[in-house]
Amino acid sequence: MTALRTRGGLLAVAVAAALVVAIGLAAAGAFGGCDQPAKKVGRPSAAVSSTAHGVVAYVLAKTFATTVHPRAADTWGEIGAREFVFSAFQQYGYFPRTQEFLADATQGRVHSADIIAVKEGESAKRLIVGAHYDSAPIGEGYSDNATGTGLLLETAARIKSQVTPYTIVFVAFGAEEKGLLGSRYYVRTMNALERRATIGMIDLDAVAGGAELSVTSRFGGPTWLRDDALTAAKSLGIPLGTSPPGKGRPAGVSMAPSDDEPFALADIATATFTATDWTADETGLAATAEDGRLWHTRKDSVAYIDRTYPGRVRRQLADLSRLLETLLTSKLEKRP
């Protein structure tokens, strides 16, 4: 338990080791898709930008899932998860801050925290990119949501030294599984200036492992950010779909609980990326694969998913890494 409470302890070592392994494997050509030799660089974030897309996210997701689980809210596991994420942001040259909170949940008060890292852009307009780092008390939380956490961290590193039209705010949300407590707290504490400056929110929730990549907006909320993501994916040749119509739900939107919801309720455009099988679960309430549900089951583990669907997680993370880098370094087309 002591290692979990000590920044710079075993979890910080795990983060550093995961980064070294990822960059080393990429340089050795262990992952396909990298058409440039690895460059000699002095900063970890610069090293990430020289690897193939998705490599670091994949290694971090596997390390996170197998090293820190379960990560249920208000447990030592969640504290360890926070240390992992905080240390990774530091490794990539950010100055993260911890936003602690107490919130009411069904089973009582929950103590958790959001981890926030800011990348200044050419304008004060803000784009929030978030992923929850806690997990259900069963399984390793590999798909839900080590993959989203790994992608969040790789993206933060990849764009650290790039020019971005907007200021990018990366947020690792706590206590999502307890009722979106971290994202609700974050939105509630935004001041009027921050709300006006925020043009959109990208949610990374179980982004790999399920059958197909998809992006949705929130039911009743603005759709332009989702549409921009679909347009960008098409131009990059990335297979990205969206939800079909369901009971009381038009195509392209989700009614599933996720961290985009509090932002949409504040009239902020959202786009939620996930990997699921909409034909198997038309409500979109559970990530599914060909053999059934992954989320919140013992199947949500590195061993099961990578053995059952070899190469899937790595390919999906690679595609989304390319897409996110494109979106965050481009001027978006905001429409009514």
C-alpha atoms as a PDB file:
ATOM      1  CA  MET A   1       0.000   0.000   0.000  1.00  0.00           C
ATOM      2  CA  THR A   2       2.853   2.398   0.699  1.00  0.00           C
ATOM      3  CA  ALA A   3       3.970   2.313  -2.943  1.00  0.00           C
ATOM      4  CA  LEU A   4       0.508   3.390  -4.067  1.00  0.00           C
ATOM      5  CA  ARG A   5       0.667   6.481  -1.878  1.00  0.00           C
ATOM      6  CA  THR A   6       4.148   7.597  -2.873  1.00  0.00           C
ATOM      7  CA  ARG A   7       4.531   9.701  -5.991  1.00  0.00           C
ATOM      8  CA  GLY A   8       7.744   8.571  -7.665  1.00  0.00           C
ATOM      9  CA  GLY A   9       7.303   5.065  -6.182  1.00  0.00           C
ATOM     10  CA  LEU A  10       6.602   1.760  -7.880  1.00  0.00           C
ATOM     11  CA  LEU A  11       3.804   3.097 -10.079  1.00  0.00           C
ATOM     12  CA  ALA A  12       5.974   5.916 -11.387  1.00  0.00           C
ATOM     13  CA  VAL A  13       8.578   3.282 -12.222  1.00  0.00           C
ATOM     14  CA  ALA A  14       5.894   1.268 -14.021  1.00  0.00           C
ATOM     15  CA  VAL A  15       4.957   4.301 -16.132  1.00  0.00           C
ATOM     16  CA  ALA A  16       8.578   4.968 -17.070  1.00  0.00           C
ATOM     17  CA  ALA A  17       9.173   1.303 -17.852  1.00  0.00           C
ATOM     18  CA  ALA A  18       6.065   1.139 -20.041  1.00  0.00           C
ATOM     19  CA  LEU A  19       7.227   4.166 -22.005  1.00  0.00           C
ATOM     20  CA  VAL A  20      10.705   2.719 -22.515  1.00  0.00           C
ATOM     21  CA  VAL A  21       9.259  -0.608 -23.670  1.00  0.00           C
ATOM     22  CA  ALA A  22       6.831   1.067 -26.086  1.00  0.00           C
ATOM     23  CA  ILE A  23       9.471   3.254 -27.702  1.00  0.00           C
ATOM     24  CA  GLY A  24      11.961   0.397 -27.831  1.00  0.00           C
ATOM     25  CA  LEU A  25       9.510  -1.959 -29.505  1.00  0.00           C
ATOM     26  CA  ALA A  26       8.525   0.697 -32.025  1.00  0.00           C
ATOM     27  CA  ALA A  27      12.146   1.428 -32.841  1.00  0.00           C
ATOM     28  CA  ALA A  28      12.796  -2.280 -33.339  1.00  0.00           C
ATOM     29  CA  GLY A  29       9.869  -2.542 -35.739  1.00  0.00           C
ATOM     30  CA  ALA A  30       7.838  -4.810 -33.456  1.00  0.00           C
ATOM     31  CA  PHE A  31       4.686  -2.880 -34.401  1.00  0.00           C
ATOM     32  CA  GLY A  32       3.668  -2.283 -37.965  1.00  0.00           C
ATOM     33  CA  GLY A  33       2.729   1.045 -39.445  1.00  0.00           C
ATOM     34  CA  CYS A  34       5.789   3.128 -38.626  1.00  0.00           C
ATOM     35  CA  ASP A  35       7.377   4.295 -41.862  1.00  0.00           C
ATOM     36  CA  GLN A  36      10.072   6.418 -40.212  1.00  0.00           C
ATOM     37  CA  PRO A  37      13.073   5.354 -38.141  1.00  0.00           C
ATOM     38  CA  ALA A  38      12.868   6.298 -34.480  1.00  0.00           C
ATOM     39  CA  LYS A  39      14.625   9.563 -33.753  1.00  0.00           C
ATOM     40  CA  LYS A  40      17.045  10.227 -30.945  1.00  0.00           C
ATOM     41  CA  VAL A  41      15.140  12.585 -28.694  1.00  0.00           C
ATOM     42  CA  GLY A  42      15.688  13.996 -25.250  1.00  0.00           C
ATOM     43  CA  ARG A  43      12.133  14.289 -23.931  1.00  0.00           C
ATOM     44  CA  PRO A  44       9.649  11.438 -23.417  1.00  0.00           C
ATOM     45  CA  SER A  45       6.893  13.397 -25.179  1.00  0.00           C
ATOM     46  CA  ALA A  46       9.137  13.897 -28.209  1.00  0.00           C
ATOM     47  CA  ALA A  47       9.991  10.201 -28.126  1.00  0.00           C
ATOM     48  CA  VAL A  48       6.291   9.335 -28.254  1.00  0.00           C
ATOM     49  CA  SER A  49       5.773  11.511 -31.316  1.00  0.00           C
ATOM     50  CA  SER A  50       8.431   9.497 -33.167  1.00  0.00           C
ATOM     51  CA  THR A  51       6.695   6.154 -32.605  1.00  0.00           C
ATOM     52  CA  ALA A  52       3.913   4.580 -34.633  1.00  0.00           C
ATOM     53  CA  HIS A  53       0.457   5.795 -33.645  1.00  0.00           C
ATOM     54  CA  GLY A  54      -1.130   3.753 -30.890  1.00  0.00           C
ATOM     55  CA  VAL A  55       2.025   1.976 -29.710  1.00  0.00           C
ATOM     56  CA  VAL A  56       2.425   3.892 -26.469  1.00  0.00           C
ATOM     57  CA  ALA A  57      -1.332   3.851 -25.796  1.00  0.00           C
ATOM     58  CA  TYR A  58      -1.333   0.062 -26.219  1.00  0.00           C
ATOM     59  CA  VAL A  59       1.594  -0.546 -23.884  1.00  0.00           C
ATOM     60  CA  LEU A  60       0.302   1.925 -21.302  1.00  0.00           C
ATOM     61  CA  ALA A  61      -3.197   0.383 -21.413  1.00  0.00           C
ATOM     62  CA  LYS A  62      -1.814  -3.119 -20.852  1.00  0.00           C
ATOM     63  CA  THR A  63       0.509  -1.943 -18.073  1.00  0.00           C
ATOM     64  CA  PHE A  64      -2.254   0.076 -16.416  1.00  0.00           C
ATOM     65  CA  ALA A  65      -4.771  -2.784 -16.550  1.00  0.00           C
ATOM     66  CA  THR A  66      -2.418  -5.450 -15.244  1.00  0.00           C
ATOM     67  CA  THR A  67      -0.581  -3.301 -12.690  1.00  0.00           C
ATOM     68  CA  VAL A  68      -3.478  -1.401 -11.111  1.00  0.00           C
ATOM     69  CA  HIS A  69      -6.696  -3.385 -10.768  1.00  0.00           C
ATOM     70  CA  PRO A  70      -9.377  -3.279  -9.680  1.00  0.00           C
ATOM     71  CA  ARG A  71      -9.594   0.517  -9.662  1.00  0.00           C
ATOM     72  CA  ALA A  72     -13.015   0.982  -8.084  1.00  0.00           C
ATOM     73  CA  ALA A  73     -13.714   4.515  -6.875  1.00  0.00           C
ATOM     74  CA  ASP A  74     -12.677   5.444  -3.346  1.00  0.00           C
ATOM     75  CA  THR A  75     -10.295   2.490  -2.947  1.00  0.00           C
ATOM     76  CA  TRP A  76      -6.524   2.108  -2.756  1.00  0.00           C
ATOM     77  CA  GLY A  77      -6.704   0.834  -6.327  1.00  0.00           C
ATOM     78  CA  GLU A  78      -8.142   4.125  -7.546  1.00  0.00           C
ATOM     79  CA  ILE A  79      -5.487   6.021  -5.610  1.00  0.00           C
ATOM     80  CA  GLY A  80      -2.868   3.921  -7.370  1.00  0.00           C
ATOM     81  CA  ALA A  81      -4.507   4.682 -10.710  1.00  0.00           C
ATOM     82  CA  ARG A  82      -4.303   8.407  -9.996  1.00  0.00           C
ATOM     83  CA  GLU A  83      -0.600   8.088  -9.219  1.00  0.00           C
ATOM     84  CA  PHE A  84      -0.049   6.252 -12.497  1.00  0.00           C
ATOM     85  CA  VAL A  85      -1.829   8.927 -14.554  1.00  0.00           C
ATOM     86  CA  PHE A  86      -0.281  11.844 -12.658  1.00  0.00           C
ATOM     87  CA  SER A  87       3.230  10.409 -13.125  1.00  0.00           C
ATOM     88  CA  ALA A  88       2.652   9.824 -16.834  1.00  0.00           C
ATOM     89  CA  PHE A  89       1.575  13.441 -17.388  1.00  0.00           C
ATOM     90  CA  GLN A  90       4.689  14.575 -15.544  1.00  0.00           C
ATOM     91  CA  GLN A  91       6.901  12.327 -17.672  1.00  0.00           C
ATOM     92  CA  TYR A  92       5.475  13.997 -20.769  1.00  0.00           C
ATOM     93  CA  GLY A  93       6.375  17.469 -19.548  1.00  0.00           C
ATOM     94  CA  TYR A  94       3.029  18.596 -18.158  1.00  0.00           C
ATOM     95  CA  PHE A  95       2.312  20.144 -14.776  1.00  0.00           C
ATOM     96  CA  PRO A  96      -0.810  18.208 -13.788  1.00  0.00           C
ATOM     97  CA  ARG A  97      -3.021  19.186 -10.907  1.00  0.00           C
ATOM     98  CA  THR A  98      -5.301  17.053  -8.790  1.00  0.00           C
ATOM     99  CA  GLN A  99      -8.892  18.221  -8.307  1.00  0.00           C
ATOM    100  CA  GLU A 100     -10.200  16.309  -5.300  1.00  0.00           C
ATOM    101  CA  PHE A 101     -13.879  16.034  -4.511  1.00  0.00           C
ATOM    102  CA  LEU A 102     -16.437  14.433  -2.217  1.00  0.00           C
ATOM    103  CA  ALA A 103     -19.709  13.406  -3.815  1.00  0.00           C
ATOM    104  CA  ASP A 104     -22.834  11.492  -2.919  1.00  0.00           C
ATOM    105  CA  ALA A 105     -23.337   8.127  -4.584  1.00  0.00           C
ATOM    106  CA  THR A 106     -25.929   5.389  -4.184  1.00  0.00           C
ATOM    107  CA  GLN A 107     -23.889   3.628  -1.520  1.00  0.00           C
ATOM    108  CA  GLY A 108     -22.724   6.728   0.336  1.00  0.00           C
ATOM    109  CA  ARG A 109     -20.116   9.481   0.068  1.00  0.00           C
ATOM    110  CA  VAL A 110     -17.260   8.975  -2.383  1.00  0.00           C
ATOM    111  CA  HIS A 111     -13.839  10.591  -2.196  1.00  0.00           C
ATOM    112  CA  SER A 112     -12.081  10.756  -5.559  1.00  0.00           C
ATOM    113  CA  ALA A 113     -10.238  13.198  -7.822  1.00  0.00           C
ATOM    114  CA  ASP A 114      -9.800  14.361 -11.405  1.00  0.00           C
ATOM    115  CA  ILE A 115      -6.307  14.789 -12.862  1.00  0.00           C
ATOM    116  CA  ILE A 116      -5.994  17.816 -15.161  1.00  0.00           C
ATOM    117  CA  ALA A 117      -3.198  18.737 -17.581  1.00  0.00           C
ATOM    118  CA  VAL A 118      -3.312  21.751 -19.919  1.00  0.00           C
ATOM    119  CA  LYS A 119      -1.640  22.210 -23.297  1.00  0.00           C
ATOM    120  CA  GLU A 120      -1.732  25.890 -24.296  1.00  0.00           C
ATOM    121  CA  GLY A 121      -2.930  26.604 -27.817  1.00  0.00           C
ATOM    122  CA  GLU A 122      -3.004  29.514 -30.247  1.00  0.00           C
ATOM    123  CA  SER A 123      -6.268  30.728 -28.735  1.00  0.00           C
ATOM    124  CA  ALA A 124      -7.968  30.707 -25.356  1.00  0.00           C
ATOM    125  CA  LYS A 125     -10.799  28.609 -26.771  1.00  0.00           C
ATOM    126  CA  ARG A 126     -10.708  25.250 -25.036  1.00  0.00           C
ATOM    127  CA  LEU A 127     -11.274  21.688 -26.169  1.00  0.00           C
ATOM    128  CA  ILE A 128     -11.550  19.149 -23.370  1.00  0.00           C
ATOM    129  CA  VAL A 129     -10.357  15.581 -23.899  1.00  0.00           C
ATOM    130  CA  GLY A 130     -11.327  13.209 -21.117  1.00  0.00           C
ATOM    131  CA  ALA A 131     -11.228   9.568 -20.062  1.00  0.00           C
ATOM    132  CA  HIS A 132     -12.147   7.949 -16.767  1.00  0.00           C
ATOM    133  CA  TYR A 133      -9.401   6.028 -15.006  1.00  0.00           C
ATOM    134  CA  ASP A 134     -11.488   4.088 -12.476  1.00  0.00           C
ATOM    135  CA  SER A 135     -12.963   0.684 -13.243  1.00  0.00           C
ATOM    136  CA  ALA A 136     -15.661  -1.740 -12.217  1.00  0.00           C
ATOM    137  CA  PRO A 137     -14.721  -3.980  -9.274  1.00  0.00           C
ATOM    138  CA  ILE A 138     -14.606  -7.027 -11.560  1.00  0.00           C
ATOM    139  CA  GLY A 139     -12.002  -7.833 -14.214  1.00  0.00           C
ATOM    140  CA  GLU A 140      -9.000  -5.672 -15.079  1.00  0.00           C
ATOM    141  CA  GLY A 141     -10.895  -2.842 -16.740  1.00  0.00           C
ATOM    142  CA  TYR A 142      -8.742  -3.248 -19.860  1.00  0.00           C
ATOM    143  CA  SER A 143     -11.296  -2.111 -22.429  1.00  0.00           C
ATOM    144  CA  ASP A 144     -13.190  -0.018 -19.862  1.00  0.00           C
ATOM    145  CA  ASN A 145     -11.178   2.070 -19.425  1.00  0.00           C
ATOM    146  CA  ALA A 146      -7.449   1.342 -19.531  1.00  0.00           C
ATOM    147  CA  THR A 147      -7.636   1.752 -23.309  1.00  0.00           C
ATOM    148  CA  GLY A 148      -9.171   5.223 -22.991  1.00  0.00           C
ATOM    149  CA  THR A 149      -6.619   6.196 -20.353  1.00  0.00           C
ATOM    150  CA  GLY A 150      -3.717   4.966 -22.484  1.00  0.00           C
ATOM    151  CA  LEU A 151      -5.032   6.844 -25.515  1.00  0.00           C
ATOM    152  CA  LEU A 152      -5.494  10.010 -23.450  1.00  0.00           C
ATOM    153  CA  LEU A 153      -1.887   9.868 -22.259  1.00  0.00           C
ATOM    154  CA  GLU A 154      -0.395   9.074 -25.671  1.00  0.00           C
ATOM    155  CA  THR A 155      -2.357  11.909 -27.266  1.00  0.00           C
ATOM    156  CA  ALA A 156      -1.188  14.350 -24.597  1.00  0.00           C
ATOM    157  CA  ALA A 157       2.417  13.357 -25.262  1.00  0.00           C
ATOM    158  CA  ARG A 158       2.050  13.334 -29.045  1.00  0.00           C
ATOM    159  CA  ILE A 159       0.744  16.895 -29.333  1.00  0.00           C
ATOM    160  CA  LYS A 160       2.824  18.390 -26.500  1.00  0.00           C
ATOM    161  CA  SER A 161       5.157  20.260 -28.861  1.00  0.00           C
ATOM    162  CA  GLN A 162       2.724  20.727 -31.741  1.00  0.00           C
ATOM    163  CA  VAL A 163       0.798  23.864 -32.603  1.00  0.00           C
ATOM    164  CA  THR A 164      -2.882  23.509 -31.722  1.00  0.00           C
ATOM    165  CA  PRO A 165      -5.550  26.056 -32.686  1.00  0.00           C
ATOM    166  CA  TYR A 166      -7.212  25.608 -29.299  1.00  0.00           C
ATOM    167  CA  THR A 167      -6.011  25.151 -25.752  1.00  0.00           C
ATOM    168  CA  ILE A 168      -6.376  21.435 -24.985  1.00  0.00           C
ATOM    169  CA  VAL A 169      -7.431  20.415 -21.480  1.00  0.00           C
ATOM    170  CA  PHE A 170      -6.760  16.749 -20.741  1.00  0.00           C
ATOM    171  CA  VAL A 171      -8.812  15.373 -17.858  1.00  0.00           C
ATOM    172  CA  ALA A 172      -8.621  11.910 -16.295  1.00  0.00           C
ATOM    173  CA  PHE A 173     -11.947  11.592 -14.486  1.00  0.00           C
ATOM    174  CA  GLY A 174     -12.405   9.760 -11.216  1.00  0.00           C
ATOM    175  CA  ALA A 175     -15.448   7.796 -10.033  1.00  0.00           C
ATOM    176  CA  GLU A 176     -17.162   7.484 -13.418  1.00  0.00           C
ATOM    177  CA  GLU A 177     -18.483   4.066 -12.511  1.00  0.00           C
ATOM    178  CA  LYS A 178     -20.185   5.530  -9.415  1.00  0.00           C
ATOM    179  CA  GLY A 179     -22.388   7.846 -11.465  1.00  0.00           C
ATOM    180  CA  LEU A 180     -20.123  10.129 -13.541  1.00  0.00           C
ATOM    181  CA  LEU A 181     -19.044  11.829 -10.322  1.00  0.00           C
ATOM    182  CA  GLY A 182     -15.725  13.200 -11.605  1.00  0.00           C
ATOM    183  CA  SER A 183     -17.112  14.738 -14.778  1.00  0.00           C
ATOM    184  CA  ARG A 184     -20.139  16.121 -12.942  1.00  0.00           C
ATOM    185  CA  TYR A 185     -17.865  17.778 -10.406  1.00  0.00           C
ATOM    186  CA  TYR A 186     -15.593  19.171 -13.126  1.00  0.00           C
ATOM    187  CA  VAL A 187     -18.494  20.782 -14.995  1.00  0.00           C
ATOM    188  CA  ARG A 188     -20.058  22.092 -11.782  1.00  0.00           C
ATOM    189  CA  THR A 189     -16.835  23.872 -10.829  1.00  0.00           C
ATOM    190  CA  MET A 190     -16.269  25.498 -14.231  1.00  0.00           C
ATOM    191  CA  ASN A 191     -16.702  29.257 -13.984  1.00  0.00           C
ATOM    192  CA  ALA A 192     -18.639  31.312 -16.526  1.00  0.00           C
ATOM    193  CA  LEU A 193     -15.496  32.283 -18.447  1.00  0.00           C
ATOM    194  CA  GLU A 194     -14.366  28.660 -18.741  1.00  0.00           C
ATOM    195  CA  ARG A 195     -17.782  27.569 -19.973  1.00  0.00           C
ATOM    196  CA  ARG A 196     -17.841  30.270 -22.646  1.00  0.00           C
ATOM    197  CA  ALA A 197     -14.319  29.355 -23.748  1.00  0.00           C
ATOM    198  CA  THR A 198     -15.059  25.620 -24.019  1.00  0.00           C
ATOM    199  CA  ILE A 199     -16.128  24.733 -27.544  1.00  0.00           C
ATOM    200  CA  GLY A 200     -16.342  20.971 -27.130  1.00  0.00           C
ATOM    201  CA  MET A 201     -15.561  17.826 -25.170  1.00  0.00           C
ATOM    202  CA  ILE A 202     -14.132  14.557 -26.505  1.00  0.00           C
ATOM    203  CA  ASP A 203     -14.837  11.511 -24.339  1.00  0.00           C
ATOM    204  CA  LEU A 204     -12.664   8.375 -24.605  1.00  0.00           C
ATOM    205  CA  ASP A 205     -14.616   5.520 -23.051  1.00  0.00           C
ATOM    206  CA  ALA A 206     -13.776   1.866 -23.777  1.00  0.00           C
ATOM    207  CA  VAL A 207     -12.211   2.919 -27.076  1.00  0.00           C
ATOM    208  CA  ALA A 208     -10.798  -0.499 -27.970  1.00  0.00           C
ATOM    209  CA  GLY A 209     -11.682  -4.159 -27.607  1.00  0.00           C
ATOM    210  CA  GLY A 210     -15.263  -4.072 -28.883  1.00  0.00           C
ATOM    211  CA  ALA A 211     -16.259  -5.040 -32.422  1.00  0.00           C
ATOM    212  CA  GLU A 212     -16.302  -1.654 -34.169  1.00  0.00           C
ATOM    213  CA  LEU A 213     -15.090   1.896 -33.595  1.00  0.00           C
ATOM    214  CA  SER A 214     -17.833   4.468 -33.306  1.00  0.00           C
ATOM    215  CA  VAL A 215     -18.397   8.071 -32.316  1.00  0.00           C
ATOM    216  CA  THR A 216     -21.632   9.499 -30.952  1.00  0.00           C
ATOM    217  CA  SER A 217     -23.001  12.760 -29.674  1.00  0.00           C
ATOM    218  CA  ARG A 218     -25.275  13.071 -26.663  1.00  0.00           C
ATOM    219  CA  PHE A 219     -29.031  12.760 -27.137  1.00  0.00           C
ATOM    220  CA  GLY A 220     -30.453  16.259 -27.542  1.00  0.00           C
ATOM    221  CA  GLY A 221     -27.045  17.948 -27.643  1.00  0.00           C
ATOM    222  CA  PRO A 222     -24.996  19.627 -30.412  1.00  0.00           C
ATOM    223  CA  THR A 223     -23.734  17.203 -33.072  1.00  0.00           C
ATOM    224  CA  TRP A 224     -21.085  19.176 -34.985  1.00  0.00           C
ATOM    225  CA  LEU A 225     -18.086  17.738 -33.103  1.00  0.00           C
ATOM    226  CA  ARG A 226     -19.234  14.189 -33.805  1.00  0.00           C
ATOM    227  CA  ASP A 227     -19.740  15.084 -37.471  1.00  0.00           C
ATOM    228  CA  ASP A 228     -16.267  16.640 -37.704  1.00  0.00           C
ATOM    229  CA  ALA A 229     -14.806  13.419 -36.295  1.00  0.00           C
ATOM    230  CA  LEU A 230     -16.654  11.328 -38.887  1.00  0.00           C
ATOM    231  CA  THR A 231     -15.469  13.617 -41.699  1.00  0.00           C
ATOM    232  CA  ALA A 232     -11.859  13.491 -40.491  1.00  0.00           C
ATOM    233  CA  ALA A 233     -11.977   9.702 -40.149  1.00  0.00           C
ATOM    234  CA  LYS A 234     -13.247   9.340 -43.706  1.00  0.00           C
ATOM    235  CA  SER A 235     -10.430  11.529 -45.050  1.00  0.00           C
ATOM    236  CA  LEU A 236      -7.869   9.406 -43.157  1.00  0.00           C
ATOM    237  CA  GLY A 237      -9.378   6.095 -44.275  1.00  0.00           C
ATOM    238  CA  ILE A 238     -10.220   5.129 -40.696  1.00  0.00           C
ATOM    239  CA  PRO A 239     -13.234   2.812 -40.252  1.00  0.00           C
ATOM    240  CA  LEU A 240     -15.342   4.868 -37.866  1.00  0.00           C
ATOM    241  CA  GLY A 241     -19.085   4.486 -37.644  1.00  0.00           C
ATOM    242  CA  THR A 242     -21.849   5.760 -35.411  1.00  0.00           C
ATOM    243  CA  SER A 243     -24.883   4.351 -33.670  1.00  0.00           C
ATOM    244  CA  PRO A 244     -27.944   3.221 -35.627  1.00  0.00           C
ATOM    245  CA  PRO A 245     -31.366   4.461 -34.550  1.00  0.00           C
ATOM    246  CA  GLY A 246     -32.800   2.714 -31.491  1.00  0.00           C
ATOM    247  CA  LYS A 247     -35.860   2.871 -29.301  1.00  0.00           C
ATOM    248  CA  GLY A 248     -36.520   6.571 -28.780  1.00  0.00           C
ATOM    249  CA  ARG A 249     -33.023   7.393 -30.024  1.00  0.00           C
ATOM    250  CA  PRO A 250     -32.081   8.775 -33.460  1.00  0.00           C
ATOM    251  CA  ALA A 251     -28.991   7.609 -35.301  1.00  0.00           C
ATOM    252  CA  GLY A 252     -25.652   9.021 -34.214  1.00  0.00           C
ATOM    253  CA  VAL A 253     -26.453   9.664 -30.574  1.00  0.00           C
ATOM    254  CA  SER A 254     -26.034   7.789 -27.311  1.00  0.00           C
ATOM    255  CA  MET A 255     -28.125   7.608 -24.176  1.00  0.00           C
ATOM    256  CA  ALA A 256     -25.581   5.463 -22.330  1.00  0.00           C
ATOM    257  CA  PRO A 257     -24.095   6.943 -19.145  1.00  0.00           C
ATOM    258  CA  SER A 258     -20.662   8.375 -19.918  1.00  0.00           C
ATOM    259  CA  ASP A 259     -18.560  11.391 -18.980  1.00  0.00           C
ATOM    260  CA  ASP A 260     -19.793  13.421 -21.940  1.00  0.00           C
ATOM    261  CA  GLU A 261     -23.253  13.729 -20.385  1.00  0.00           C
ATOM    262  CA  PRO A 262     -22.575  16.554 -17.877  1.00  0.00           C
ATOM    263  CA  PHE A 263     -20.929  18.602 -20.638  1.00  0.00           C
ATOM    264  CA  ALA A 264     -23.833  18.097 -23.030  1.00  0.00           C
ATOM    265  CA  LEU A 265     -26.238  19.193 -20.296  1.00  0.00           C
ATOM    266  CA  ALA A 266     -24.186  22.407 -20.128  1.00  0.00           C
ATOM    267  CA  ASP A 267     -24.813  22.838 -23.882  1.00  0.00           C
ATOM    268  CA  ILE A 268     -21.224  21.929 -24.824  1.00  0.00           C
ATOM    269  CA  ALA A 269     -20.771  19.897 -28.005  1.00  0.00           C
ATOM    270  CA  THR A 270     -19.534  16.362 -27.319  1.00  0.00           C
ATOM    271  CA  ALA A 271     -18.119  13.412 -29.221  1.00  0.00           C
ATOM    272  CA  THR A 272     -17.745  10.068 -27.456  1.00  0.00           C
ATOM    273  CA  PHE A 273     -15.455   7.451 -28.952  1.00  0.00           C
ATOM    274  CA  THR A 274     -16.050   3.817 -28.064  1.00  0.00           C
ATOM    275  CA  ALA A 275     -15.671   0.314 -29.520  1.00  0.00           C
ATOM    276  CA  THR A 276     -18.879  -1.687 -29.433  1.00  0.00           C
ATOM    277  CA  ASP A 277     -21.239  -3.857 -31.459  1.00  0.00           C
ATOM    278  CA  TRP A 278     -24.379  -1.793 -31.946  1.00  0.00           C
ATOM    279  CA  THR A 279     -26.168  -4.647 -33.699  1.00  0.00           C
ATOM    280  CA  ALA A 280     -25.758  -6.843 -30.619  1.00  0.00           C
ATOM    281  CA  ASP A 281     -26.815  -4.096 -28.239  1.00  0.00           C
ATOM    282  CA  GLU A 282     -28.916  -1.456 -29.924  1.00  0.00           C
ATOM    283  CA  THR A 283     -29.263   0.587 -26.756  1.00  0.00           C
ATOM    284  CA  GLY A 284     -25.514   1.207 -26.668  1.00  0.00           C
ATOM    285  CA  LEU A 285     -25.516   0.620 -22.917  1.00  0.00           C
ATOM    286  CA  ALA A 286     -22.805  -2.043 -22.937  1.00  0.00           C
ATOM    287  CA  ALA A 287     -19.632  -2.612 -24.902  1.00  0.00           C
ATOM    288  CA  THR A 288     -19.992  -5.920 -26.664  1.00  0.00           C
ATOM    289  CA  ALA A 289     -17.931  -8.197 -28.842  1.00  0.00           C
ATOM    290  CA  GLU A 290     -18.833 -11.180 -30.973  1.00  0.00           C
ATOM    291  CA  ASP A 291     -19.000 -13.456 -27.930  1.00  0.00           C
ATOM    292  CA  GLY A 292     -21.008 -11.138 -25.718  1.00  0.00           C
ATOM    293  CA  ARG A 293     -20.516  -8.344 -23.248  1.00  0.00           C
ATOM    294  CA  LEU A 294     -17.028  -7.163 -22.235  1.00  0.00           C
ATOM    295  CA  TRP A 295     -17.696  -4.253 -19.911  1.00  0.00           C
ATOM    296  CA  HIS A 296     -18.020  -5.055 -16.211  1.00  0.00           C
ATOM    297  CA  THR A 297     -17.193  -8.750 -16.626  1.00  0.00           C
ATOM    298  CA  ARG A 298     -14.172 -10.986 -16.065  1.00  0.00           C
ATOM    299  CA  LYS A 299     -13.685 -10.941 -19.841  1.00  0.00           C
ATOM    300  CA  ASP A 300     -12.475  -7.351 -19.596  1.00  0.00           C
ATOM    301  CA  SER A 301      -8.856  -8.394 -19.148  1.00  0.00           C
ATOM    302  CA  VAL A 302      -5.679  -8.192 -21.202  1.00  0.00           C
ATOM    303  CA  ALA A 303      -5.329 -11.965 -21.408  1.00  0.00           C
ATOM    304  CA  TYR A 304      -8.874 -12.590 -22.608  1.00  0.00           C
ATOM    305  CA  ILE A 305      -9.278  -9.737 -25.088  1.00  0.00           C
ATOM    306  CA  ASP A 306      -5.824  -9.963 -26.685  1.00  0.00           C
ATOM    307  CA  ARG A 307      -6.076 -13.753 -26.959  1.00  0.00           C
ATOM    308  CA  THR A 308      -9.632 -13.768 -28.321  1.00  0.00           C
ATOM    309  CA  TYR A 309      -9.174 -10.821 -30.679  1.00  0.00           C
ATOM    310  CA  PRO A 310      -5.451 -10.715 -31.488  1.00  0.00           C
ATOM    311  CA  GLY A 311      -4.262  -7.344 -32.779  1.00  0.00           C
ATOM    312  CA  ARG A 312      -7.659  -5.658 -32.406  1.00  0.00           C
ATOM    313  CA  VAL A 313      -6.858  -3.330 -29.504  1.00  0.00           C
ATOM    314  CA  ARG A 314      -3.567  -2.254 -31.072  1.00  0.00           C
ATOM    315  CA  ARG A 315      -5.227  -1.516 -34.436  1.00  0.00           C
ATOM    316  CA  GLN A 316      -8.098   0.420 -32.888  1.00  0.00           C
ATOM    317  CA  LEU A 317      -5.782   2.506 -30.713  1.00  0.00           C
ATOM    318  CA  ALA A 318      -3.579   3.231 -33.732  1.00  0.00           C
ATOM    319  CA  ASP A 319      -6.569   4.459 -35.741  1.00  0.00           C
ATOM    320  CA  LEU A 320      -7.902   6.644 -32.938  1.00  0.00           C
ATOM    321  CA  SER A 321      -4.462   8.044 -32.174  1.00  0.00           C
ATOM    322  CA  ARG A 322      -4.143   9.236 -35.778  1.00  0.00           C
ATOM    323  CA  LEU A 323      -7.659  10.644 -35.710  1.00  0.00           C
ATOM    324  CA  LEU A 324      -7.247  12.514 -32.426  1.00  0.00           C
ATOM    325  CA  GLU A 325      -3.954  14.052 -33.485  1.00  0.00           C
ATOM    326  CA  THR A 326      -5.647  15.309 -36.644  1.00  0.00           C
ATOM    327  CA  LEU A 327      -8.641  16.720 -34.781  1.00  0.00           C
ATOM    328  CA  LEU A 328      -6.624  18.455 -32.078  1.00  0.00           C
ATOM    329  CA  THR A 329      -4.212  20.101 -34.506  1.00  0.00           C
ATOM    330  CA  SER A 330      -6.939  21.293 -36.899  1.00  0.00           C
ATOM    331  CA  LYS A 331      -9.451  24.116 -36.861  1.00  0.00           C
ATOM    332  CA  LEU A 332     -12.808  22.470 -36.360  1.00  0.00           C
ATOM    333  CA  GLU A 333     -15.931  23.353 -38.291  1.00  0.00           C
ATOM    334  CA  LYS A 334     -18.393  24.420 -35.656  1.00  0.00           C
ATOM    335  CA  ARG A 335     -21.981  24.352 -36.910  1.00  0.00           C
ATOM    336  CA  PRO A 336     -25.327  25.014 -35.202  1.00  0.00           C
END
